[in-house]
Amino acid sequence: MTVCYNSPRESEQAFICTPYVIDPQCRRRPTEGMAQCPWAKGSERCRSKKHDWRERKTGPCMALRLFYCRSHNRHFTVYPMGHVPYSRIRVLPVDAAGHPIETAEDRVVGNQEAAARSEGSWF
């Protein structure tokens, strides 16, 4: 499931979040099959191709995939689920594939569970 965020403000960046999965060479890669770039309108399909990798100093501790949309003549970065541009920590308590982060077995269940799941995120 790919999620696209288009900001209502012209000055803010549009971006895509998609699950990152482990490939046969044990590297993290975004899932295949993105039909649209952030600039697509409605059900418009884009002609996107893989471009390069972007190493990160903050945020996700892995290289992020860059794509090029031939339909809109623009480059865009694909972020793992739970991360957004310019963020140093994840927004949601999910792993790179979009699965909820499980609490440790020794954590207290009940009122403390929500706090434990949100550890390391904005919340």
N, C-alpha and C. Protein backbone atom coordinates (compact mmCIF):
# COMPACT_ATOMS: atom_id res chain seq x y z
N MET A 1 0.84 -1.17 0.00
CA MET A 1 0.00 0.00 0.00
C MET A 1 0.89 1.24 0.00
N THR A 2 0.83 2.02 -1.03
CA THR A 2 1.58 3.25 -1.15
C THR A 2 0.70 4.41 -0.73
N VAL A 3 1.26 5.32 0.04
CA VAL A 3 0.53 6.49 0.51
C VAL A 3 1.20 7.73 -0.04
N CYS A 4 0.42 8.59 -0.65
CA CYS A 4 0.95 9.84 -1.21
C CYS A 4 0.37 11.01 -0.42
N TYR A 5 1.23 11.94 -0.06
CA TYR A 5 0.79 13.12 0.66
C TYR A 5 1.03 14.34 -0.21
N ASN A 6 -0.01 15.04 -0.57
CA ASN A 6 0.09 16.28 -1.32
C ASN A 6 -0.29 17.42 -0.41
N SER A 7 0.64 18.32 -0.15
CA SER A 7 0.39 19.43 0.73
C SER A 7 -0.53 20.45 0.08
N PRO A 8 -1.43 21.07 0.85
CA PRO A 8 -2.28 22.12 0.29
C PRO A 8 -1.48 23.40 0.01
N ARG A 9 -0.31 23.52 0.63
CA ARG A 9 0.53 24.70 0.41
C ARG A 9 1.54 24.42 -0.69
N GLU A 10 1.72 25.39 -1.56
CA GLU A 10 2.64 25.27 -2.69
C GLU A 10 4.08 25.07 -2.22
N SER A 11 4.45 25.67 -1.10
CA SER A 11 5.84 25.66 -0.64
C SER A 11 6.25 24.34 0.02
N GLU A 12 5.28 23.51 0.44
CA GLU A 12 5.61 22.27 1.11
C GLU A 12 5.78 21.14 0.11
N GLN A 13 6.64 20.20 0.45
CA GLN A 13 7.00 19.11 -0.43
C GLN A 13 5.98 17.98 -0.41
N ALA A 14 5.63 17.47 -1.59
CA ALA A 14 4.81 16.26 -1.69
C ALA A 14 5.75 15.07 -1.59
N PHE A 15 5.25 13.96 -1.04
CA PHE A 15 6.12 12.79 -0.92
C PHE A 15 5.29 11.52 -0.93
N ILE A 16 5.98 10.40 -1.05
CA ILE A 16 5.34 9.09 -1.06
C ILE A 16 5.95 8.24 0.03
N CYS A 17 5.10 7.49 0.73
CA CYS A 17 5.54 6.49 1.70
C CYS A 17 5.08 5.14 1.19
N THR A 18 5.96 4.17 1.22
CA THR A 18 5.62 2.81 0.82
C THR A 18 6.42 1.83 1.67
N PRO A 19 5.93 0.63 1.88
CA PRO A 19 6.70 -0.33 2.68
C PRO A 19 8.05 -0.66 2.03
N TYR A 20 9.07 -0.75 2.83
CA TYR A 20 10.38 -1.23 2.40
C TYR A 20 10.48 -2.67 2.86
N VAL A 21 10.86 -3.56 1.95
CA VAL A 21 10.96 -4.98 2.26
C VAL A 21 12.39 -5.46 1.99
N ILE A 22 12.73 -6.63 2.50
CA ILE A 22 14.06 -7.20 2.31
C ILE A 22 14.08 -7.95 0.98
N ASP A 23 15.07 -7.64 0.13
CA ASP A 23 15.20 -8.34 -1.16
C ASP A 23 16.05 -9.60 -0.99
N PRO A 24 16.22 -10.42 -2.04
CA PRO A 24 17.01 -11.66 -1.92
C PRO A 24 18.46 -11.44 -1.49
N GLN A 25 19.01 -10.25 -1.71
CA GLN A 25 20.38 -9.94 -1.30
C GLN A 25 20.43 -9.34 0.11
N CYS A 26 19.31 -9.42 0.84
CA CYS A 26 19.19 -8.92 2.22
C CYS A 26 19.36 -7.41 2.32
N ARG A 27 18.93 -6.67 1.30
CA ARG A 27 18.93 -5.21 1.32
C ARG A 27 17.48 -4.73 1.38
N ARG A 28 17.25 -3.58 2.00
CA ARG A 28 15.90 -3.01 2.06
C ARG A 28 15.61 -2.26 0.77
N ARG A 29 14.45 -2.56 0.20
CA ARG A 29 14.01 -1.95 -1.05
C ARG A 29 12.53 -1.60 -0.93
N PRO A 30 12.09 -0.50 -1.58
CA PRO A 30 10.65 -0.21 -1.56
C PRO A 30 9.89 -1.25 -2.38
N THR A 31 8.66 -1.52 -2.01
CA THR A 31 7.86 -2.47 -2.76
C THR A 31 7.65 -1.97 -4.18
N GLU A 32 7.47 -2.88 -5.08
CA GLU A 32 7.28 -2.55 -6.50
C GLU A 32 5.83 -2.15 -6.76
N GLY A 33 5.60 -1.52 -7.90
CA GLY A 33 4.23 -1.28 -8.35
C GLY A 33 3.64 0.08 -8.03
N MET A 34 4.48 1.10 -7.82
CA MET A 34 3.92 2.44 -7.60
C MET A 34 3.40 2.97 -8.93
N ALA A 35 2.13 3.25 -9.01
CA ALA A 35 1.51 3.68 -10.26
C ALA A 35 1.54 5.19 -10.44
N GLN A 36 1.74 5.93 -9.35
CA GLN A 36 1.68 7.39 -9.42
C GLN A 36 2.84 8.03 -8.67
N CYS A 37 3.21 9.22 -9.12
CA CYS A 37 4.17 10.05 -8.40
C CYS A 37 3.37 11.05 -7.56
N PRO A 38 4.02 11.85 -6.73
CA PRO A 38 3.26 12.82 -5.91
C PRO A 38 2.52 13.89 -6.71
N TRP A 39 2.85 14.09 -7.98
CA TRP A 39 2.22 15.14 -8.77
C TRP A 39 1.08 14.63 -9.65
N ALA A 40 0.77 13.36 -9.58
CA ALA A 40 -0.33 12.78 -10.37
C ALA A 40 -1.67 13.30 -9.86
N LYS A 41 -2.59 13.45 -10.75
CA LYS A 41 -3.94 13.91 -10.42
C LYS A 41 -4.93 12.77 -10.63
N GLY A 42 -5.83 12.56 -9.67
CA GLY A 42 -6.86 11.54 -9.81
C GLY A 42 -6.29 10.16 -10.01
N SER A 43 -6.76 9.47 -11.05
CA SER A 43 -6.30 8.11 -11.33
C SER A 43 -5.23 8.07 -12.41
N GLU A 44 -4.63 9.21 -12.71
CA GLU A 44 -3.57 9.29 -13.71
C GLU A 44 -2.43 8.34 -13.36
N ARG A 45 -1.95 7.59 -14.34
CA ARG A 45 -0.83 6.68 -14.14
C ARG A 45 0.44 7.36 -14.65
N CYS A 46 1.52 7.19 -13.91
CA CYS A 46 2.79 7.82 -14.26
C CYS A 46 3.76 6.79 -14.82
N ARG A 47 4.72 7.29 -15.56
CA ARG A 47 5.82 6.46 -16.06
C ARG A 47 7.05 6.77 -15.21
N SER A 48 7.19 6.04 -14.11
CA SER A 48 8.30 6.27 -13.18
C SER A 48 9.37 5.20 -13.36
N LYS A 49 10.61 5.60 -13.09
CA LYS A 49 11.70 4.64 -13.13
C LYS A 49 12.62 4.87 -11.94
N LYS A 50 13.31 3.83 -11.53
CA LYS A 50 14.26 3.93 -10.43
C LYS A 50 15.41 4.81 -10.88
N HIS A 51 15.84 5.70 -9.99
CA HIS A 51 16.90 6.63 -10.36
C HIS A 51 18.19 6.38 -9.58
N ASP A 52 18.15 6.51 -8.27
CA ASP A 52 19.37 6.42 -7.48
C ASP A 52 19.00 6.13 -6.03
N TRP A 53 20.00 6.17 -5.15
CA TRP A 53 19.80 5.99 -3.71
C TRP A 53 20.25 7.24 -2.99
N ARG A 54 19.59 7.60 -1.91
CA ARG A 54 19.95 8.75 -1.10
C ARG A 54 20.33 8.27 0.30
N GLU A 55 21.58 8.45 0.66
CA GLU A 55 22.04 8.10 2.00
C GLU A 55 21.49 9.12 2.98
N ARG A 56 21.20 8.68 4.18
CA ARG A 56 20.59 9.54 5.19
C ARG A 56 21.55 9.79 6.35
N LYS A 57 21.59 11.04 6.83
CA LYS A 57 22.35 11.37 8.04
C LYS A 57 21.44 11.29 9.26
N THR A 58 20.15 11.53 9.06
CA THR A 58 19.15 11.45 10.14
C THR A 58 17.94 10.72 9.60
N GLY A 59 17.01 10.41 10.46
CA GLY A 59 15.79 9.74 10.03
C GLY A 59 16.00 8.25 9.87
N PRO A 60 15.42 7.65 8.82
CA PRO A 60 15.56 6.21 8.63
C PRO A 60 17.04 5.84 8.49
N CYS A 61 17.45 4.78 9.14
CA CYS A 61 18.86 4.37 9.12
C CYS A 61 19.14 3.45 7.94
N MET A 62 18.77 3.89 6.77
CA MET A 62 19.01 3.14 5.53
C MET A 62 18.94 4.12 4.37
N ALA A 63 19.49 3.71 3.25
CA ALA A 63 19.42 4.54 2.05
C ALA A 63 17.99 4.52 1.52
N LEU A 64 17.52 5.66 1.03
CA LEU A 64 16.17 5.77 0.48
C LEU A 64 16.23 5.79 -1.04
N ARG A 65 15.23 5.22 -1.68
CA ARG A 65 15.19 5.11 -3.14
C ARG A 65 14.67 6.40 -3.75
N LEU A 66 15.38 6.89 -4.77
CA LEU A 66 14.94 8.03 -5.57
C LEU A 66 14.34 7.50 -6.87
N PHE A 67 13.27 8.12 -7.31
CA PHE A 67 12.63 7.77 -8.57
C PHE A 67 12.58 9.00 -9.46
N TYR A 68 12.40 8.76 -10.75
CA TYR A 68 12.20 9.84 -11.71
C TYR A 68 10.88 9.57 -12.44
N CYS A 69 9.99 10.56 -12.44
CA CYS A 69 8.72 10.44 -13.15
C CYS A 69 8.88 11.08 -14.53
N ARG A 70 8.80 10.25 -15.57
CA ARG A 70 8.92 10.75 -16.94
C ARG A 70 7.68 11.55 -17.34
N SER A 71 6.54 11.22 -16.77
CA SER A 71 5.30 11.92 -17.11
C SER A 71 5.31 13.36 -16.64
N HIS A 72 5.91 13.63 -15.47
CA HIS A 72 5.92 14.97 -14.90
C HIS A 72 7.31 15.60 -14.87
N ASN A 73 8.31 14.86 -15.37
CA ASN A 73 9.68 15.36 -15.44
C ASN A 73 10.18 15.84 -14.07
N ARG A 74 9.96 15.00 -13.02
CA ARG A 74 10.35 15.36 -11.66
C ARG A 74 10.93 14.15 -10.94
N HIS A 75 11.84 14.41 -10.03
CA HIS A 75 12.41 13.38 -9.17
C HIS A 75 11.67 13.41 -7.83
N PHE A 76 11.61 12.25 -7.17
CA PHE A 76 11.00 12.19 -5.85
C PHE A 76 11.62 11.05 -5.05
N THR A 77 11.59 11.22 -3.72
CA THR A 77 12.13 10.23 -2.80
C THR A 77 10.97 9.42 -2.22
N VAL A 78 11.19 8.13 -2.08
CA VAL A 78 10.19 7.25 -1.49
C VAL A 78 10.63 6.94 -0.06
N TYR A 79 9.81 7.34 0.90
CA TYR A 79 10.12 7.15 2.32
C TYR A 79 9.48 5.86 2.83
N PRO A 80 10.11 5.21 3.82
CA PRO A 80 9.47 4.04 4.43
C PRO A 80 8.27 4.48 5.26
N MET A 81 7.35 3.56 5.49
CA MET A 81 6.15 3.86 6.26
C MET A 81 6.54 4.43 7.63
N GLY A 82 5.82 5.47 8.05
CA GLY A 82 6.07 6.07 9.35
C GLY A 82 7.06 7.21 9.33
N HIS A 83 7.74 7.46 8.21
CA HIS A 83 8.72 8.54 8.13
C HIS A 83 8.24 9.62 7.15
N VAL A 84 8.69 10.84 7.37
CA VAL A 84 8.35 11.97 6.51
C VAL A 84 9.62 12.76 6.21
N PRO A 85 9.63 13.59 5.16
CA PRO A 85 10.81 14.39 4.85
C PRO A 85 11.23 15.28 6.02
N TYR A 86 12.52 15.44 6.18
CA TYR A 86 13.14 16.32 7.18
C TYR A 86 12.89 15.89 8.62
N SER A 87 12.39 14.70 8.84
CA SER A 87 12.13 14.23 10.19
C SER A 87 13.31 13.41 10.69
N ARG A 88 13.71 13.64 11.92
CA ARG A 88 14.81 12.89 12.51
C ARG A 88 14.36 11.58 13.12
N ILE A 89 13.08 11.52 13.53
CA ILE A 89 12.54 10.29 14.10
C ILE A 89 11.26 9.94 13.36
N ARG A 90 10.83 8.69 13.46
CA ARG A 90 9.61 8.28 12.75
C ARG A 90 8.39 8.93 13.39
N VAL A 91 7.37 9.12 12.59
CA VAL A 91 6.14 9.76 13.04
C VAL A 91 5.22 8.73 13.70
N LEU A 92 5.19 7.53 13.16
CA LEU A 92 4.32 6.47 13.66
C LEU A 92 5.15 5.30 14.18
N PRO A 93 4.66 4.57 15.17
CA PRO A 93 5.41 3.42 15.69
C PRO A 93 5.27 2.18 14.81
N VAL A 94 5.81 2.25 13.58
CA VAL A 94 5.80 1.12 12.65
C VAL A 94 7.21 0.87 12.14
N ASP A 95 7.47 -0.35 11.65
CA ASP A 95 8.78 -0.64 11.07
C ASP A 95 8.78 -0.18 9.62
N ALA A 96 9.89 -0.39 8.90
CA ALA A 96 10.02 0.09 7.53
C ALA A 96 9.01 -0.54 6.57
N ALA A 97 8.49 -1.71 6.93
CA ALA A 97 7.49 -2.38 6.09
C ALA A 97 6.07 -1.93 6.43
N GLY A 98 5.91 -1.14 7.49
CA GLY A 98 4.59 -0.64 7.87
C GLY A 98 3.89 -1.48 8.92
N HIS A 99 4.58 -2.47 9.49
CA HIS A 99 3.99 -3.30 10.55
C HIS A 99 4.14 -2.61 11.89
N PRO A 100 3.12 -2.69 12.75
CA PRO A 100 3.25 -2.08 14.09
C PRO A 100 4.43 -2.69 14.84
N ILE A 101 5.15 -1.83 15.55
CA ILE A 101 6.27 -2.31 16.36
C ILE A 101 5.71 -2.97 17.60
N GLU A 102 6.14 -4.18 17.83
CA GLU A 102 5.66 -4.95 18.98
C GLU A 102 6.35 -4.48 20.24
N THR A 103 5.65 -4.57 21.34
CA THR A 103 6.24 -4.21 22.62
C THR A 103 7.08 -5.37 23.12
N ALA A 104 8.07 -5.09 23.93
CA ALA A 104 8.90 -6.14 24.51
C ALA A 104 8.06 -6.98 25.46
N GLU A 105 8.39 -8.24 25.60
CA GLU A 105 7.61 -9.14 26.44
C GLU A 105 7.60 -8.72 27.91
N ASP A 106 8.67 -8.06 28.32
CA ASP A 106 8.74 -7.69 29.74
C ASP A 106 8.07 -6.36 30.05
N ARG A 107 7.47 -5.71 29.07
CA ARG A 107 6.78 -4.45 29.32
C ARG A 107 5.42 -4.70 29.95
N VAL A 108 4.97 -3.73 30.73
CA VAL A 108 3.67 -3.84 31.37
C VAL A 108 2.59 -3.62 30.33
N VAL A 109 1.61 -4.51 30.28
CA VAL A 109 0.49 -4.38 29.35
C VAL A 109 -0.62 -3.62 30.05
N GLY A 110 -1.38 -2.86 29.31
CA GLY A 110 -2.48 -2.09 29.89
C GLY A 110 -2.26 -0.62 29.56
N ASN A 111 -2.24 0.23 30.58
CA ASN A 111 -2.07 1.66 30.36
C ASN A 111 -0.71 2.01 29.78
N GLN A 112 0.29 1.20 30.05
CA GLN A 112 1.64 1.50 29.57
C GLN A 112 1.88 1.02 28.14
N GLU A 113 0.99 0.18 27.59
CA GLU A 113 1.22 -0.41 26.27
C GLU A 113 1.28 0.65 25.18
N ALA A 114 0.37 1.62 25.18
CA ALA A 114 0.36 2.66 24.16
C ALA A 114 1.64 3.46 24.20
N ALA A 115 2.12 3.79 25.38
CA ALA A 115 3.36 4.54 25.52
C ALA A 115 4.54 3.73 25.00
N ALA A 116 4.57 2.44 25.27
CA ALA A 116 5.67 1.59 24.81
C ALA A 116 5.68 1.50 23.29
N ARG A 117 4.55 1.39 22.66
CA ARG A 117 4.49 1.29 21.19
C ARG A 117 4.92 2.58 20.52
N SER A 118 4.73 3.71 21.16
CA SER A 118 5.07 5.00 20.57
C SER A 118 6.48 5.44 20.88
N GLU A 119 7.22 4.65 21.61
CA GLU A 119 8.59 4.98 21.97
C GLU A 119 9.42 5.16 20.70
N GLY A 120 10.20 6.22 20.60
CA GLY A 120 11.02 6.48 19.43
C GLY A 120 10.28 7.15 18.29
N SER A 121 9.05 7.60 18.51
CA SER A 121 8.30 8.32 17.49
C SER A 121 7.93 9.71 18.05
N TRP A 122 7.25 10.52 17.26
CA TRP A 122 6.83 11.84 17.71
C TRP A 122 5.92 11.76 18.93
N PHE A 123 5.22 10.66 19.09
CA PHE A 123 4.24 10.54 20.15
C PHE A 123 4.86 9.91 21.37
